[in-house]
Structures are given as structure tokens and as C-alpha cells.
C-alpha atoms as a PDB file:
ATOM      1  CA  MET A   1     141.346 107.620  84.053  1.00  0.00           C
ATOM      2  CA  THR A   2     140.594 104.345  85.755  1.00  0.00           C
ATOM      3  CA  ASP A   3     141.308 103.303  89.347  1.00  0.00           C
ATOM      4  CA  SER A   4     144.801 101.980  89.268  1.00  0.00           C
ATOM      5  CA  PRO A   5     147.483 101.000  91.883  1.00  0.00           C
ATOM      6  CA  GLU A   6     149.297 104.579  91.834  1.00  0.00           C
ATOM      7  CA  PHE A   7     145.991 106.113  92.883  1.00  0.00           C
ATOM      8  CA  LEU A   8     145.254 103.650  95.747  1.00  0.00           C
ATOM      9  CA  PRO A   9     145.996 104.775  99.305  1.00  0.00           C
ATOM     10  CA  THR A  10     148.825 102.924 101.011  1.00  0.00           C
ATOM     11  CA  SER A  11     148.135 100.575 103.923  1.00  0.00           C
ATOM     12  CA  GLY A  12     146.924 102.475 106.994  1.00  0.00           C
ATOM     13  CA  GLU A  13     146.557 105.714 105.064  1.00  0.00           C
ATOM     14  CA  GLN A  14     143.268 107.578 105.571  1.00  0.00           C
ATOM     15  CA  ARG A  15     141.390 108.498 102.402  1.00  0.00           C
ATOM     16  CA  THR A  16     140.442 112.162 101.983  1.00  0.00           C
ATOM     17  CA  VAL A  17     136.877 112.881 100.654  1.00  0.00           C
ATOM     18  CA  LEU A  18     135.763 116.135  99.747  1.00  0.00           C
ATOM     19  CA  PHE A  19     132.077 116.989  99.617  1.00  0.00           C
ATOM     20  CA  VAL A  20     131.487 119.976  97.299  1.00  0.00           C
ATOM     21  CA  ALA A  21     129.091 122.626  98.344  1.00  0.00           C
ATOM     22  CA  PHE A  22     127.696 125.552  96.251  1.00  0.00           C
ATOM     23  CA  PRO A  23     124.742 127.933  96.867  1.00  0.00           C
ATOM     24  CA  ASP A  24     121.379 126.358  96.120  1.00  0.00           C
ATOM     25  CA  MET A  25     122.594 122.823  96.141  1.00  0.00           C
ATOM     26  CA  GLY A  26     120.237 120.000  97.396  1.00  0.00           C
ATOM     27  CA  LEU A  27     120.629 119.279 101.143  1.00  0.00           C
ATOM     28  CA  LEU A  28     120.082 115.598 101.029  1.00  0.00           C
ATOM     29  CA  ASP A  29     122.348 115.380  97.909  1.00  0.00           C
ATOM     30  CA  LEU A  30     125.206 116.263 100.224  1.00  0.00           C
ATOM     31  CA  THR A  31     124.264 115.079 103.603  1.00  0.00           C
ATOM     32  CA  GLY A  32     123.200 111.709 102.523  1.00  0.00           C
ATOM     33  CA  PRO A  33     126.572 110.592 101.295  1.00  0.00           C
ATOM     34  CA  GLN A  34     128.238 112.443 104.189  1.00  0.00           C
ATOM     35  CA  THR A  35     126.303 110.332 106.668  1.00  0.00           C
ATOM     36  CA  VAL A  36     127.270 107.141 104.861  1.00  0.00           C
ATOM     37  CA  PHE A  37     131.043 108.027 105.037  1.00  0.00           C
ATOM     38  CA  TRP A  38     130.565 109.125 108.632  1.00  0.00           C
ATOM     39  CA  ALA A  39     129.058 105.733 109.572  1.00  0.00           C
ATOM     40  CA  ALA A  40     131.785 103.951 107.574  1.00  0.00           C
ATOM     41  CA  SER A  41     134.534 105.690 109.378  1.00  0.00           C
ATOM     42  CA  LYS A  42     132.857 104.804 112.656  1.00  0.00           C
ATOM     43  CA  ALA A  43     132.746 101.191 111.501  1.00  0.00           C
ATOM     44  CA  LEU A  44     136.347 101.126 110.297  1.00  0.00           C
ATOM     45  CA  VAL A  45     137.807 102.797 113.527  1.00  0.00           C
ATOM     46  CA  GLU A  46     135.845  99.978 115.695  1.00  0.00           C
ATOM     47  CA  GLN A  47     137.769  97.516 113.638  1.00  0.00           C
ATOM     48  CA  GLY A  48     141.155  99.278 114.282  1.00  0.00           C
ATOM     49  CA  LEU A  49     141.341 100.636 110.697  1.00  0.00           C
ATOM     50  CA  PRO A  50     141.698 104.205 109.451  1.00  0.00           C
ATOM     51  CA  GLY A  51     138.373 105.949 108.697  1.00  0.00           C
ATOM     52  CA  TYR A  52     137.714 108.652 106.037  1.00  0.00           C
ATOM     53  CA  LEU A  53     138.928 112.139 106.468  1.00  0.00           C
ATOM     54  CA  ARG A  54     135.738 114.022 105.498  1.00  0.00           C
ATOM     55  CA  HIS A  55     135.513 117.826 104.504  1.00  0.00           C
ATOM     56  CA  THR A  56     132.949 120.064 103.175  1.00  0.00           C
ATOM     57  CA  VAL A  57     134.364 122.515 100.666  1.00  0.00           C
ATOM     58  CA  SER A  58     133.511 125.519  98.514  1.00  0.00           C
ATOM     59  CA  LEU A  59     135.071 127.861  96.356  1.00  0.00           C
ATOM     60  CA  ASP A  60     135.529 130.479  99.027  1.00  0.00           C
ATOM     61  CA  GLY A  61     134.703 128.722 102.155  1.00  0.00           C
ATOM     62  CA  GLY A  62     132.408 129.997 104.911  1.00  0.00           C
ATOM     63  CA  LEU A  63     128.644 129.496 105.097  1.00  0.00           C
ATOM     64  CA  VAL A  64     126.805 128.222 101.904  1.00  0.00           C
ATOM     65  CA  GLN A  65     123.018 128.176 101.926  1.00  0.00           C
ATOM     66  CA  THR A  66     121.259 125.137 100.376  1.00  0.00           C
ATOM     67  CA  ALA A  67     118.091 125.287  98.222  1.00  0.00           C
ATOM     68  CA  GLU A  68     116.243 124.349 101.352  1.00  0.00           C
ATOM     69  CA  GLY A  69     117.530 127.364 103.209  1.00  0.00           C
ATOM     70  CA  VAL A  70     119.934 125.410 105.512  1.00  0.00           C
ATOM     71  CA  ALA A  71     123.450 126.962 105.718  1.00  0.00           C
ATOM     72  CA  LEU A  72     126.627 124.779 105.904  1.00  0.00           C
ATOM     73  CA  GLN A  73     129.958 125.731 107.095  1.00  0.00           C
ATOM     74  CA  THR A  74     132.607 124.992 104.488  1.00  0.00           C
ATOM     75  CA  SER A  75     136.381 125.241 104.036  1.00  0.00           C
ATOM     76  CA  PRO A  76     137.860 126.865 100.917  1.00  0.00           C
ATOM     77  CA  ILE A  77     138.962 124.411  98.178  1.00  0.00           C
ATOM     78  CA  ALA A  78     142.296 126.244  98.083  1.00  0.00           C
ATOM     79  CA  ALA A  79     143.131 124.674 101.461  1.00  0.00           C
ATOM     80  CA  PHE A  80     143.241 121.359  99.681  1.00  0.00           C
ATOM     81  CA  SER A  81     145.483 122.164  96.817  1.00  0.00           C
ATOM     82  CA  ARG A  82     148.471 120.138  98.116  1.00  0.00           C
ATOM     83  CA  VAL A  83     146.366 117.481  99.735  1.00  0.00           C
ATOM     84  CA  ARG A  84     146.059 113.840  98.159  1.00  0.00           C
ATOM     85  CA  VAL A  85     142.344 113.752  97.607  1.00  0.00           C
ATOM     86  CA  ASP A  86     140.780 110.273  97.145  1.00  0.00           C
ATOM     87  CA  THR A  87     137.215 111.001  96.354  1.00  0.00           C
ATOM     88  CA  VAL A  88     135.231 114.221  95.229  1.00  0.00           C
ATOM     89  CA  ILE A  89     131.442 114.156  95.617  1.00  0.00           C
ATOM     90  CA  VAL A  90     129.262 116.773  94.056  1.00  0.00           C
ATOM     91  CA  PRO A  91     125.713 117.370  94.815  1.00  0.00           C
ATOM     92  CA  GLY A  92     122.887 118.492  92.562  1.00  0.00           C
ATOM     93  CA  SER A  93     120.550 121.517  92.613  1.00  0.00           C
ATOM     94  CA  PRO A  94     116.938 121.839  91.735  1.00  0.00           C
ATOM     95  CA  ASP A  95     117.960 124.921  89.937  1.00  0.00           C
ATOM     96  CA  ILE A  96     120.843 123.273  88.125  1.00  0.00           C
ATOM     97  CA  GLU A  97     120.599 125.523  84.895  1.00  0.00           C
ATOM     98  CA  ASP A  98     121.097 128.600  87.092  1.00  0.00           C
ATOM     99  CA  VAL A  99     123.880 126.895  88.942  1.00  0.00           C
ATOM    100  CA  LEU A 100     125.632 126.013  85.694  1.00  0.00           C
ATOM    101  CA  ALA A 101     125.423 129.629  84.519  1.00  0.00           C
ATOM    102  CA  ARG A 102     127.390 130.817  87.502  1.00  0.00           C
ATOM    103  CA  SER A 103     129.686 127.931  88.054  1.00  0.00           C
ATOM    104  CA  GLU A 104     132.499 128.542  85.543  1.00  0.00           C
ATOM    105  CA  GLN A 105     135.179 128.526  88.333  1.00  0.00           C
ATOM    106  CA  LEU A 106     133.789 125.538  90.084  1.00  0.00           C
ATOM    107  CA  VAL A 107     133.541 123.551  86.956  1.00  0.00           C
ATOM    108  CA  GLY A 108     137.219 124.367  86.039  1.00  0.00           C
ATOM    109  CA  TRP A 109     138.268 123.280  89.457  1.00  0.00           C
ATOM    110  CA  LEU A 110     136.235 119.987  88.933  1.00  0.00           C
ATOM    111  CA  ARG A 111     138.043 119.350  85.616  1.00  0.00           C
ATOM    112  CA  ARG A 112     141.431 119.767  87.239  1.00  0.00           C
ATOM    113  CA  LYS A 113     140.774 117.987  90.373  1.00  0.00           C
ATOM    114  CA  ALA A 114     139.323 114.808  88.633  1.00  0.00           C
ATOM    115  CA  LYS A 115     142.735 114.403  87.004  1.00  0.00           C
ATOM    116  CA  ALA A 116     144.395 114.158  90.490  1.00  0.00           C
ATOM    117  CA  ALA A 117     141.683 112.529  92.522  1.00  0.00           C
ATOM    118  CA  ARG A 118     141.095 108.718  92.307  1.00  0.00           C
ATOM    119  CA  ARG A 119     137.521 109.090  91.720  1.00  0.00           C
ATOM    120  CA  THR A 120     134.825 111.747  91.200  1.00  0.00           C
ATOM    121  CA  ALA A 121     131.009 111.288  91.851  1.00  0.00           C
ATOM    122  CA  SER A 122     127.843 113.211  91.470  1.00  0.00           C
ATOM    123  CA  VAL A 123     124.508 113.058  92.950  1.00  0.00           C
ATOM    124  CA  CYS A 124     121.282 113.723  91.168  1.00  0.00           C
ATOM    125  CA  SER A 125     121.697 116.759  88.850  1.00  0.00           C
ATOM    126  CA  GLY A 126     125.349 117.143  89.954  1.00  0.00           C
ATOM    127  CA  THR A 127     125.710 114.997  86.857  1.00  0.00           C
ATOM    128  CA  PHE A 128     125.347 118.290  84.920  1.00  0.00           C
ATOM    129  CA  LEU A 129     128.366 119.812  86.718  1.00  0.00           C
ATOM    130  CA  LEU A 130     130.492 116.673  85.704  1.00  0.00           C
ATOM    131  CA  ALA A 131     129.300 116.732  82.150  1.00  0.00           C
ATOM    132  CA  GLN A 132     130.006 120.480  81.886  1.00  0.00           C
ATOM    133  CA  ALA A 133     133.563 119.813  83.276  1.00  0.00           C
ATOM    134  CA  GLY A 134     133.857 117.347  80.342  1.00  0.00           C
ATOM    135  CA  LEU A 135     134.200 114.342  82.544  1.00  0.00           C
ATOM    136  CA  LEU A 136     131.227 112.311  80.929  1.00  0.00           C
ATOM    137  CA  HIS A 137     131.846 112.753  77.121  1.00  0.00           C
ATOM    138  CA  GLY A 138     130.935 109.492  75.501  1.00  0.00           C
ATOM    139  CA  LYS A 139     130.097 107.882  78.885  1.00  0.00           C
ATOM    140  CA  ARG A 140     127.227 106.392  80.323  1.00  0.00           C
ATOM    141  CA  ALA A 141     125.674 108.216  83.244  1.00  0.00           C
ATOM    142  CA  ALA A 142     122.641 108.591  85.596  1.00  0.00           C
ATOM    143  CA  THR A 143     120.743 111.514  87.050  1.00  0.00           C
ATOM    144  CA  HIS A 144     117.188 112.307  88.519  1.00  0.00           C
ATOM    145  CA  TRP A 145     114.784 110.782  86.344  1.00  0.00           C
ATOM    146  CA  ALA A 146     112.919 114.047  85.802  1.00  0.00           C
ATOM    147  CA  MET A 147     116.156 115.614  84.281  1.00  0.00           C
ATOM    148  CA  CYS A 148     117.169 112.924  81.943  1.00  0.00           C
ATOM    149  CA  ASP A 149     115.669 114.731  79.010  1.00  0.00           C
ATOM    150  CA  ARG A 150     117.403 117.943  79.959  1.00  0.00           C
ATOM    151  CA  LEU A 151     120.672 116.282  80.317  1.00  0.00           C
ATOM    152  CA  ARG A 152     120.282 114.553  76.861  1.00  0.00           C
ATOM    153  CA  GLU A 153     119.557 117.792  75.096  1.00  0.00           C
ATOM    154  CA  ARG A 154     122.255 119.671  76.801  1.00  0.00           C
ATOM    155  CA  PHE A 155     124.983 116.954  76.538  1.00  0.00           C
ATOM    156  CA  PRO A 156     123.955 114.657  73.613  1.00  0.00           C
ATOM    157  CA  SER A 157     127.231 112.746  73.621  1.00  0.00           C
ATOM    158  CA  ILE A 158     126.416 111.209  77.110  1.00  0.00           C
ATOM    159  CA  GLU A 159     124.458 107.609  77.063  1.00  0.00           C
ATOM    160  CA  ILE A 160     121.795 108.223  79.782  1.00  0.00           C
ATOM    161  CA  ASP A 161     120.804 105.369  81.872  1.00  0.00           C
ATOM    162  CA  ARG A 162     117.298 106.282  82.936  1.00  0.00           C
ATOM    163  CA  ASP A 163     116.828 103.274  85.294  1.00  0.00           C
ATOM    164  CA  ALA A 164     120.013 102.708  87.060  1.00  0.00           C
ATOM    165  CA  LEU A 165     120.395 104.100  90.565  1.00  0.00           C
ATOM    166  CA  PHE A 166     124.085 104.881  89.951  1.00  0.00           C
ATOM    167  CA  VAL A 167     126.594 104.242  87.222  1.00  0.00           C
ATOM    168  CA  ARG A 168     130.280 103.588  87.260  1.00  0.00           C
ATOM    169  CA  GLU A 169     132.365 104.491  84.316  1.00  0.00           C
ATOM    170  CA  GLY A 170     135.893 104.088  85.192  1.00  0.00           C
ATOM    171  CA  SER A 171     136.853 106.667  87.910  1.00  0.00           C
ATOM    172  CA  VAL A 172     133.594 108.649  87.399  1.00  0.00           C
ATOM    173  CA  TRP A 173     130.406 107.550  89.236  1.00  0.00           C
ATOM    174  CA  THR A 174     126.998 109.286  88.854  1.00  0.00           C
ATOM    175  CA  SER A 175     123.683 108.576  90.661  1.00  0.00           C
ATOM    176  CA  ALA A 176     119.980 109.093  90.386  1.00  0.00           C
ATOM    177  CA  GLY A 177     117.706 111.458  92.228  1.00  0.00           C
ATOM    178  CA  VAL A 178     118.454 112.758  95.734  1.00  0.00           C
ATOM    179  CA  SER A 179     118.436 109.761  98.096  1.00  0.00           C
ATOM    180  CA  ALA A 180     120.047 107.542  95.416  1.00  0.00           C
ATOM    181  CA  GLY A 181     123.161 109.276  96.551  1.00  0.00           C
ATOM    182  CA  ILE A 182     122.951 107.038  99.732  1.00  0.00           C
ATOM    183  CA  ASP A 183     123.047 103.918  97.416  1.00  0.00           C
ATOM    184  CA  LEU A 184     125.948 105.503  95.614  1.00  0.00           C
ATOM    185  CA  ALA A 185     128.066 106.255  98.786  1.00  0.00           C
ATOM    186  CA  LEU A 186     127.433 102.678 100.028  1.00  0.00           C
ATOM    187  CA  ALA A 187     128.765 101.237  96.765  1.00  0.00           C
ATOM    188  CA  LEU A 188     131.854 103.570  96.998  1.00  0.00           C
ATOM    189  CA  VAL A 189     132.552 102.270 100.624  1.00  0.00           C
ATOM    190  CA  GLU A 190     131.805  98.751  99.565  1.00  0.00           C
ATOM    191  CA  ALA A 191     134.490  99.270  96.716  1.00  0.00           C
ATOM    192  CA  ASP A 192     137.040 100.502  99.276  1.00  0.00           C
ATOM    193  CA  HIS A 193     136.365  98.201 102.145  1.00  0.00           C
ATOM    194  CA  GLY A 194     134.340  95.252 101.122  1.00  0.00           C
ATOM    195  CA  ARG A 195     130.748  94.115 101.540  1.00  0.00           C
ATOM    196  CA  ASP A 196     130.972  93.417 105.348  1.00  0.00           C
ATOM    197  CA  VAL A 197     131.766  97.122 106.070  1.00  0.00           C
ATOM    198  CA  ALA A 198     129.034  98.512 103.563  1.00  0.00           C
ATOM    199  CA  MET A 199     126.412  96.137 105.018  1.00  0.00           C
ATOM    200  CA  LYS A 200     127.299  97.292 108.508  1.00  0.00           C
ATOM    201  CA  VAL A 201     126.739 100.899 107.472  1.00  0.00           C
ATOM    202  CA  ALA A 202     123.495 100.099 105.634  1.00  0.00           C
ATOM    203  CA  ARG A 203     121.982  98.272 108.410  1.00  0.00           C
ATOM    204  CA  GLU A 204     122.605 101.231 110.810  1.00  0.00           C
ATOM    205  CA  LEU A 205     121.250 103.636 108.264  1.00  0.00           C
ATOM    206  CA  VAL A 206     118.257 101.658 107.452  1.00  0.00           C
ATOM    207  CA  VAL A 207     116.845 102.506 110.844  1.00  0.00           C
ATOM    208  CA  PHE A 208     116.963 106.292 110.116  1.00  0.00           C
ATOM    209  CA  LEU A 209     117.242 106.707 106.310  1.00  0.00           C
ATOM    210  CA  LYS A 210     115.724 103.930 104.370  1.00  0.00           C
ATOM    211  CA  ARG A 211     112.731 104.842 102.241  1.00  0.00           C
ATOM    212  CA  PRO A 212     109.626 102.991 102.605  1.00  0.00           C
ATOM    213  CA  GLY A 213     108.867 100.796  99.642  1.00  0.00           C
ATOM    214  CA  GLY A 214     112.630 100.135  98.731  1.00  0.00           C
ATOM    215  CA  GLN A 215     115.629 101.650  96.979  1.00  0.00           C
ATOM    216  CA  SER A 216     114.084 102.670  93.707  1.00  0.00           C
ATOM    217  CA  GLN A 217     114.674 106.380  92.716  1.00  0.00           C
ATOM    218  CA  PHE A 218     111.036 106.458  91.935  1.00  0.00           C
ATOM    219  CA  SER A 219     108.034 104.143  91.718  1.00  0.00           C
ATOM    220  CA  GLU A 220     107.611 103.144  87.981  1.00  0.00           C
ATOM    221  CA  LEU A 221     103.639 103.239  88.401  1.00  0.00           C
ATOM    222  CA  LEU A 222     104.001 106.776  90.034  1.00  0.00           C
ATOM    223  CA  ARG A 223     106.313 107.976  87.450  1.00  0.00           C
ATOM    224  CA  SER A 224     104.098 106.942  84.596  1.00  0.00           C
ATOM    225  CA  GLN A 225     101.145 108.893  86.256  1.00  0.00           C
ATOM    226  CA  THR A 226     103.393 112.014  86.305  1.00  0.00           C
ATOM    227  CA  ARG A 227     103.659 112.027  82.513  1.00  0.00           C
ATOM    228  CA  ASP A 228     101.096 112.709  79.839  1.00  0.00           C
ATOM    229  CA  THR A 229     100.092 109.006  79.852  1.00  0.00           C
ATOM    230  CA  ALA A 230      96.466 108.960  80.970  1.00  0.00           C
ATOM    231  CA  ALA A 231      95.577 106.751  78.134  1.00  0.00           C
ATOM    232  CA  PHE A 232      97.905 103.975  79.644  1.00  0.00           C
ATOM    233  CA  ASP A 233      97.052 104.236  83.306  1.00  0.00           C
ATOM    234  CA  GLU A 234      94.654 101.394  83.204  1.00  0.00           C
ATOM    235  CA  LEU A 235      97.093  99.361  81.074  1.00  0.00           C
ATOM    236  CA  HIS A 236     100.016  99.949  83.823  1.00  0.00           C
ATOM    237  CA  LEU A 237      97.821  98.920  86.651  1.00  0.00           C
ATOM    238  CA  TRP A 238      96.949  95.839  84.767  1.00  0.00           C
ATOM    239  CA  LEU A 239     100.373  95.056  83.833  1.00  0.00           C
ATOM    240  CA  ALA A 240     101.407  95.470  87.673  1.00  0.00           C
ATOM    241  CA  GLY A 241      98.982  92.865  88.519  1.00  0.00           C
ATOM    242  CA  ASN A 242      99.966  90.440  85.879  1.00  0.00           C
ATOM    243  CA  LEU A 243     103.767  90.614  85.644  1.00  0.00           C
ATOM    244  CA  GLY A 244     104.065  86.659  86.086  1.00  0.00           C
ATOM    245  CA  ARG A 245     102.363  86.120  82.716  1.00  0.00           C
ATOM    246  CA  ASP A 246     104.844  85.007  79.954  1.00  0.00           C
ATOM    247  CA  ASP A 247     102.720  86.717  77.200  1.00  0.00           C
ATOM    248  CA  LEU A 248     103.152  90.371  77.936  1.00  0.00           C
ATOM    249  CA  THR A 249     104.034  91.194  74.276  1.00  0.00           C
ATOM    250  CA  VAL A 250     103.357  94.351  72.356  1.00  0.00           C
ATOM    251  CA  GLU A 251     100.257  92.573  70.839  1.00  0.00           C
ATOM    252  CA  THR A 252      98.863  91.860  74.338  1.00  0.00           C
ATOM    253  CA  MET A 253      99.477  95.233  75.550  1.00  0.00           C
ATOM    254  CA  ALA A 254      98.064  96.954  72.349  1.00  0.00           C
ATOM    255  CA  ALA A 255      94.874  94.780  72.711  1.00  0.00           C
ATOM    256  CA  ARG A 256      94.459  95.910  76.381  1.00  0.00           C
ATOM    257  CA  ALA A 257      94.777  99.576  75.220  1.00  0.00           C
ATOM    258  CA  SER A 258      92.389  98.873  72.137  1.00  0.00           C
ATOM    259  CA  MET A 259      94.966  99.836  69.628  1.00  0.00           C
ATOM    260  CA  SER A 260      96.909  98.261  66.811  1.00  0.00           C
ATOM    261  CA  PRO A 261     100.175  96.892  67.690  1.00  0.00           C
ATOM    262  CA  ARG A 262     102.131  99.288  65.393  1.00  0.00           C
ATOM    263  CA  ASN A 263     100.373 102.271  66.545  1.00  0.00           C
ATOM    264  CA  PHE A 264     100.521 101.245  70.198  1.00  0.00           C
ATOM    265  CA  ALA A 265     104.313 100.738  70.143  1.00  0.00           C
ATOM    266  CA  ARG A 266     104.813 104.128  68.387  1.00  0.00           C
ATOM    267  CA  VAL A 267     102.592 106.081  70.696  1.00  0.00           C
ATOM    268  CA  TYR A 268     103.698 104.386  73.810  1.00  0.00           C
ATOM    269  CA  LYS A 269     107.212 105.201  73.092  1.00  0.00           C
ATOM    270  CA  GLN A 270     106.384 108.839  72.306  1.00  0.00           C
ATOM    271  CA  LYS A 271     104.524 109.190  75.384  1.00  0.00           C
ATOM    272  CA  THR A 272     106.637 107.328  78.060  1.00  0.00           C
ATOM    273  CA  GLY A 273     109.998 107.608  76.507  1.00  0.00           C
ATOM    274  CA  ARG A 274     110.561 103.935  76.557  1.00  0.00           C
ATOM    275  CA  THR A 275     109.595 100.957  74.605  1.00  0.00           C
ATOM    276  CA  PRO A 276     106.714  98.690  75.790  1.00  0.00           C
ATOM    277  CA  ALA A 277     109.358  95.872  76.473  1.00  0.00           C
ATOM    278  CA  LYS A 278     111.552  98.196  78.647  1.00  0.00           C
ATOM    279  CA  ALA A 279     108.422  99.188  80.468  1.00  0.00           C
ATOM    280  CA  VAL A 280     107.482  95.580  81.358  1.00  0.00           C
ATOM    281  CA  GLU A 281     111.170  94.989  82.355  1.00  0.00           C
ATOM    282  CA  VAL A 282     111.379  97.938  84.733  1.00  0.00           C
ATOM    283  CA  LEU A 283     107.879  96.952  86.410  1.00  0.00           C
ATOM    284  CA  ARG A 284     109.212  93.480  86.865  1.00  0.00           C
ATOM    285  CA  LEU A 285     112.408  94.765  88.298  1.00  0.00           C
ATOM    286  CA  GLU A 286     110.593  97.029  90.761  1.00  0.00           C
ATOM    287  CA  ALA A 287     108.250  94.201  91.809  1.00  0.00           C
ATOM    288  CA  ALA A 288     111.246  91.845  92.437  1.00  0.00           C
ATOM    289  CA  ARG A 289     113.105  94.443  94.364  1.00  0.00           C
ATOM    290  CA  ARG A 290     110.115  94.891  96.709  1.00  0.00           C
ATOM    291  CA  LEU A 291     109.628  91.172  97.121  1.00  0.00           C
ATOM    292  CA  LEU A 292     113.374  90.769  97.783  1.00  0.00           C
ATOM    293  CA  GLU A 293     113.338  93.395 100.511  1.00  0.00           C
ATOM    294  CA  GLU A 294     110.091  92.445 102.193  1.00  0.00           C
ATOM    295  CA  SER A 295     109.321  88.842 101.579  1.00  0.00           C
ATOM    296  CA  LYS A 296     110.917  85.406 102.724  1.00  0.00           C
ATOM    297  CA  ARG A 297     110.274  83.798  99.287  1.00  0.00           C
ATOM    298  CA  ASN A 298     113.508  82.417  97.640  1.00  0.00           C
ATOM    299  CA  VAL A 299     115.069  84.023  94.707  1.00  0.00           C
ATOM    300  CA  ASP A 300     113.820  81.645  92.003  1.00  0.00           C
ATOM    301  CA  GLN A 301     110.284  81.895  93.296  1.00  0.00           C
ATOM    302  CA  ILE A 302     110.547  85.758  93.059  1.00  0.00           C
ATOM    303  CA  ALA A 303     112.062  85.374  89.496  1.00  0.00           C
ATOM    304  CA  ARG A 304     108.920  83.158  88.394  1.00  0.00           C
ATOM    305  CA  MET A 305     106.399  85.417  90.218  1.00  0.00           C
ATOM    306  CA  CYS A 306     107.631  88.579  88.519  1.00  0.00           C
ATOM    307  CA  GLY A 307     107.823  86.982  85.121  1.00  0.00           C
ATOM    308  CA  PHE A 308     111.465  86.607  84.632  1.00  0.00           C
ATOM    309  CA  GLY A 309     111.008  82.952  84.270  1.00  0.00           C
ATOM    310  CA  ASN A 310     114.160  81.933  86.116  1.00  0.00           C
ATOM    311  CA  GLU A 311     116.746  83.261  88.531  1.00  0.00           C
ATOM    312  CA  GLU A 312     119.415  83.669  85.885  1.00  0.00           C
ATOM    313  CA  ARG A 313     117.328  85.961  83.600  1.00  0.00           C
ATOM    314  CA  MET A 314     116.415  88.132  86.747  1.00  0.00           C
ATOM    315  CA  ARG A 315     120.097  88.244  87.657  1.00  0.00           C
ATOM    316  CA  VAL A 316     120.998  89.644  84.283  1.00  0.00           C
ATOM    317  CA  THR A 317     118.289  92.107  84.539  1.00  0.00           C
ATOM    318  CA  PHE A 318     119.591  93.247  88.036  1.00  0.00           C
ATOM    319  CA  GLN A 319     123.289  93.399  86.801  1.00  0.00           C
ATOM    320  CA  ARG A 320     122.173  95.585  83.738  1.00  0.00           C
ATOM    321  CA  ASN A 321     120.095  98.020  85.767  1.00  0.00           C
ATOM    322  CA  LEU A 322     121.494  98.057  89.378  1.00  0.00           C
ATOM    323  CA  SER A 323     125.071  96.712  88.958  1.00  0.00           C
ATOM    324  CA  THR A 324     124.193  93.962  91.477  1.00  0.00           C
ATOM    325  CA  SER A 325     122.785  90.496  91.801  1.00  0.00           C
ATOM    326  CA  PRO A 326     119.374  89.784  93.335  1.00  0.00           C
ATOM    327  CA  ARG A 327     120.930  87.900  96.044  1.00  0.00           C
ATOM    328  CA  ASP A 328     123.557  90.655  96.894  1.00  0.00           C
ATOM    329  CA  TYR A 329     120.624  93.099  96.711  1.00  0.00           C
ATOM    330  CA  ARG A 330     118.600  91.200  99.276  1.00  0.00           C
ATOM    331  CA  LYS A 331     121.481  90.963 101.670  1.00  0.00           C
ATOM    332  CA  ARG A 332     122.016  94.609 101.686  1.00  0.00           C
ATOM    333  CA  PHE A 333     118.350  95.980 101.684  1.00  0.00           C
ATOM    334  CA  ALA A 334     116.127  93.029 103.112  1.00  0.00           C
ATOM    335  CA  THR A 335     114.051  94.263 106.009  1.00  0.00           C
END
């Protein structure tokens, strides 16, 4: 199912958003997007437009305890059986395997509701719940970087995008880890009401919620250090300081690692889960994001500094990984 006119609210109609709660869910997975839609509603009302009708729901209603120990008051999902729901947002859980084992009824509801709602979205490991409901078969999806392998093993038909903050496949949206749900929610608001409203929300939330160091779900250098990649730590640090070079080939990196090119390419992919070329791309992307957020250099300068060569090549990389252009990224996230 894709967005189509019959699923769009009529002029002046409020959009109903359901935030789905369940025991041991991640608190920020839910409250991050909730805060975005709250701020968007406030911005819309100030313009004389209808805001979002926002409801936190669970199977039976009542208090639901998050993994962090905070209990949230919810309404029963049955109360919305006759309500025209625009958007359903599903959080994840640090114990998603245990959640899946006891969520047959919730998964069944998600499967049915996705057919009636205009769009369905997940945050972090909430992707597992959408996958269990059959909503991601043969589609591209994102989840927390640490859960990509588990998602691939459990649902091999899904094309997992390890680097995107969020992915849209028709009416189904998925996002990366935890606070990436904020980026996802901003994108949903922008799809509904345009860039000006989304930017107003982003500017307000930046004061309280923006992470130091940018919008990446996880620093690529830090990510590399969490894996069994000690042999490549020095190489990664060298790459980070030499991204502007145009000779970051397998041969160059293999020489830095004191390995043959063929053996280096094989071992690097085995240890890190990505090819050397992809590693260079994501390190360049991270560096470019940081410069777009924090520096006043023009976009073409940043493209050259980070090794993309020119703005067009950097734009293609941003579109492929972040579904936005460098200039639009700067407009939204520049400090």
C-alpha cells in the first residue's frame, strides 16, 4: 500500500497518530517522536491549522512500564477500532526477542491496522515487530546498528540498510537506533506539512534534544572500535585524518594495514561487515555531516575536503544514505 489521495486527510481534518506501547519498550523510542508531533501540533495551531491528535495506546490500556522503569498511561487499542488512524508509530525494545515471543496479539493488530492506516512507522528494534507482522517482506529497512545482523538472520527477505537514519518504503517507514526516531518523526511531519513546519520543530527541539556531534545514529569510528577490529583501529584513525585524498583505494589501505590487497579486502569485510570502499564512504559522509552542521564553509568546499571531489558526488551519497541533499541537511541541522 502506498500513500494515495483516498488515505489523505481532508482539508482542516486533524490527523490521528497512535503511539504503540508495550512492556519493556524503549522510553526514548516512544517519547522522542511524541515530542516531535507535540511540537508540530503547537506550530500548526499557531498558524491556525489543525494539529495532530496524539494517543498512546496498548493492548489493554492502563499503565505500561518501559525498559527504563518508567510507567506510561495508555488507552486500549480497541477504543480506536472505528477511528480513522493516519499514522501508527511502534517503538523498539532492548529485549526485542523476548517481546516478540509474547506479542502475537500485538503483531496481529499491527498487521490489520497497517492496511487501514495511511502509514506505519517503527523506531529502532520496532522494525522487528513490523517484520513479524509481514510489513517488510522484500523491502528495505533500517534498525539499530547493533541489531542489523539479528534482523537479517531472522528475516532474510528484508534488505537492511545499515547506514540510513531512516528508510521509507511506500507507506512503511523504519528508523535506526533510539534517537533516530526523532529524525524519522521530523521527516513524517515534513511529508505532511512541508519544510517550514519541520524546520520550526527542529529548531525548537535542537535546544533540548539534539545530540552533540550531529545526527548520526552512531559514530563510525566508535562503531569500528566496538567490533573485533583492533587490527584496523590505526587504519581507521588514519582514514579519518586523510579523507580528502583521492587515492583511498584497497591497495592504499592494504599497504597501511601491512596486508596484501586481496587478503585485506577479504578480512576487512569479514571483520567489519562492509567493504573497504563502503567504509571510506561512510567516514566521508560522517565528516561531511559534521562540517555541514558546525562550519560555515560552502558545500563545494566541504565536498572537496571530505574527498567527494565535487558537490554532485556528495549529493548522490547523501541521497542514497540519508534521503536528503547536503544543502537541505544543513538547513535542518546547522548549529
